[in-house]
Protein backbone atom coordinates (compact mmCIF):
# COMPACT_ATOMS: atom_id res chain seq x y z
CA MET A 1 -7.37 3.10 5.93
CA ARG A 2 -4.74 0.43 6.21
CA PHE A 3 -1.45 0.06 4.36
CA VAL A 4 0.81 -2.96 4.53
CA ILE A 5 4.15 -1.65 3.27
CA GLN A 6 6.88 -4.04 2.20
CA VAL A 7 10.37 -2.90 1.28
CA VAL A 8 11.18 -4.68 -1.98
CA SER A 9 14.01 -4.98 -4.45
CA GLU A 10 11.38 -5.83 -7.07
CA ALA A 11 7.64 -6.50 -7.26
CA SER A 12 4.99 -7.06 -9.90
CA VAL A 13 1.27 -7.70 -10.26
CA SER A 14 -0.56 -9.54 -13.00
CA VAL A 15 -4.17 -10.15 -13.98
CA ASP A 16 -5.03 -13.16 -16.17
CA GLY A 17 -1.34 -13.72 -16.86
CA VAL A 18 -0.75 -10.14 -18.05
CA THR A 19 1.60 -7.92 -16.03
CA LYS A 20 -0.23 -4.75 -15.02
CA GLY A 21 2.49 -3.16 -12.89
CA SER A 22 6.08 -3.74 -11.87
CA ILE A 23 8.73 -1.87 -9.93
CA GLY A 24 12.32 -2.18 -8.86
CA LYS A 25 13.54 -0.94 -5.48
CA GLY A 26 10.78 0.60 -3.42
CA PHE A 27 7.56 -0.22 -1.61
CA LEU A 28 4.92 -2.78 -2.42
CA VAL A 29 1.83 -1.37 -0.70
CA LEU A 30 -1.33 -3.33 -0.03
CA ALA A 31 -3.97 -0.63 0.53
CA GLY A 32 -7.32 -1.19 2.20
CA VAL A 33 -10.06 1.43 2.46
CA GLY A 34 -12.42 1.40 5.44
CA GLN A 35 -16.02 2.57 5.51
CA ASN A 36 -15.22 5.82 7.36
CA ASP A 37 -12.21 6.88 5.29
CA ASP A 38 -12.01 10.16 3.38
CA GLU A 39 -9.47 12.38 1.60
CA ARG A 40 -8.18 13.87 4.87
CA ILE A 41 -7.30 10.40 6.14
CA ALA A 42 -5.81 9.42 2.77
CA ASP A 43 -3.61 12.54 2.75
CA LYS A 44 -2.25 11.75 6.21
CA MET A 45 -1.61 8.12 5.34
CA VAL A 46 0.22 9.01 2.13
CA SER A 47 2.30 11.64 3.93
CA LYS A 48 3.25 9.18 6.67
CA MET A 49 4.10 6.42 4.19
CA LEU A 50 6.24 8.62 1.95
CA GLY A 51 8.04 10.02 4.99
CA LEU A 52 8.97 6.65 6.48
CA ARG A 53 12.73 6.32 6.83
CA ILE A 54 13.07 2.57 6.50
CA PHE A 55 15.82 2.12 3.91
CA PRO A 56 19.35 1.58 5.20
CA ASP A 57 21.92 4.38 5.00
CA GLU A 58 25.65 3.89 4.41
CA ASN A 59 25.98 2.64 8.01
CA GLY A 60 23.17 0.11 7.69
CA LYS A 61 20.79 2.16 9.86
CA THR A 62 17.18 2.56 8.73
CA ASN A 63 17.43 6.26 8.03
CA LEU A 64 16.46 6.88 4.38
CA SER A 65 13.05 7.53 2.84
CA LEU A 66 11.64 6.38 -0.46
CA ALA A 67 12.62 9.72 -2.03
CA ASP A 68 16.17 9.46 -0.62
CA VAL A 69 16.74 6.19 -2.49
CA GLY A 70 14.79 7.10 -5.65
CA GLY A 71 12.35 4.32 -4.84
CA GLU A 72 9.24 3.28 -6.72
CA LEU A 73 5.74 2.28 -5.58
CA LEU A 74 3.46 -0.59 -6.48
CA ILE A 75 0.06 -0.04 -4.86
CA ILE A 76 -2.44 -2.92 -4.78
CA SER A 77 -6.03 -2.55 -3.57
CA GLN A 78 -6.76 -5.05 -0.79
CA PHE A 79 -10.16 -4.91 0.91
CA THR A 80 -9.27 -8.06 2.86
CA LEU A 81 -7.12 -5.90 5.16
CA TYR A 82 -10.46 -5.16 6.85
CA ALA A 83 -11.23 -8.81 7.60
CA ASP A 84 -12.87 -9.27 11.00
CA CYS A 85 -12.07 -12.76 12.29
CA ARG A 86 -13.38 -12.37 15.84
CA LYS A 87 -16.45 -14.59 15.34
CA GLY A 88 -16.33 -18.02 13.76
CA ASN A 89 -13.95 -19.07 11.02
CA ARG A 90 -15.34 -17.09 8.10
CA PRO A 91 -14.08 -13.48 8.01
CA SER A 92 -16.53 -10.60 7.83
CA PHE A 93 -15.67 -7.59 5.68
CA ILE A 94 -18.39 -5.27 6.99
CA ARG A 95 -15.84 -2.60 7.97
CA ALA A 96 -14.35 -2.41 4.46
CA GLY A 97 -15.40 0.55 2.35
CA ALA A 98 -18.22 0.16 -0.17
CA PRO A 99 -16.67 -0.77 -3.53
CA ALA A 100 -17.41 2.47 -5.43
CA GLU A 101 -16.15 4.72 -2.62
CA ALA A 102 -13.19 2.44 -1.91
CA GLU A 103 -12.15 2.56 -5.56
CA ARG A 104 -12.47 6.36 -5.60
CA LEU A 105 -10.28 6.72 -2.51
CA TYR A 106 -7.80 4.13 -3.77
CA GLU A 107 -7.40 6.15 -6.99
CA TYR A 108 -7.06 9.30 -4.87
CA VAL A 109 -4.20 7.68 -2.91
CA VAL A 110 -2.50 6.58 -6.14
CA ASN A 111 -2.76 10.08 -7.62
CA ARG A 112 -1.43 11.70 -4.43
CA CYS A 113 1.55 9.34 -4.52
CA ARG A 114 2.19 10.21 -8.18
CA GLU A 115 2.63 13.84 -7.13
CA GLY A 116 5.80 12.94 -5.24
CA VAL A 117 7.09 9.65 -6.64
CA ALA A 118 8.44 9.27 -10.18
CA LYS A 119 7.11 5.74 -10.75
CA VAL A 120 3.85 4.50 -9.24
CA ASP A 121 2.30 1.34 -10.69
CA THR A 122 -0.93 -0.36 -9.65
CA GLY A 123 -2.93 -3.48 -9.97
CA VAL A 124 -6.56 -3.55 -11.12
CA PHE A 125 -9.14 -2.60 -8.50
CA GLY A 126 -11.40 -5.54 -7.68
CA ALA A 127 -9.61 -8.00 -9.96
CA GLU A 128 -8.16 -11.38 -9.05
CA MET A 129 -4.45 -10.55 -9.01
CA LYS A 130 -1.18 -12.42 -8.67
CA VAL A 131 1.45 -10.45 -6.78
CA SER A 132 5.15 -11.33 -6.82
CA LEU A 133 7.80 -9.67 -4.72
CA VAL A 134 11.27 -9.91 -3.30
CA ASN A 135 10.92 -8.49 0.22
CA GLU A 136 14.18 -7.00 1.46
CA GLY A 137 15.04 -7.65 5.08
CA PRO A 138 12.30 -8.80 5.26
CA PHE A 139 10.95 -5.40 6.24
CA THR A 140 7.20 -4.92 6.54
CA ILE A 141 5.31 -2.05 8.20
CA ILE A 142 1.59 -1.82 8.90
CA LEU A 143 0.03 1.65 8.93
CA ASP A 144 -3.52 1.90 10.29
CA SER A 145 -5.28 5.27 10.21
CA ASP A 146 -6.99 4.39 13.51
CA GLU A 147 -3.55 4.45 15.13
CA ILE A 148 -2.04 7.36 13.18
CA ILE A 149 -4.92 9.83 13.08
CA LYS A 150 -6.33 10.88 16.40
């Protein structure tokens, strides 16, 4: 599982010109599901993400978590995080999870986040989406379960 986490002051996602989700201060998360992912991996990834202390405190040090700042989440499914560009110029997505299982695990991640975060919005799984954001910092973190879970 891979998460690209961006600290934002605002973010939104639309499908066919209709806004499907929007947040204020918080994380925009692009979430990719790999073919070997399961609930155990999802739980660890969510726990790590929600525990990240990457918001500035009163001294400007990155020391506060999403909960500490009352932050919100916008989680967008993104199978292209599993693009393999090692051969040729056309990416392969063979390591991305099969669509039905990826959607199930994506929804699992969203629901786990909703257990601890007051506002969690999403895009539409598998849809062509337009994502807008104001990245603060800019501050972007990449979490990869292959590096977090041993």
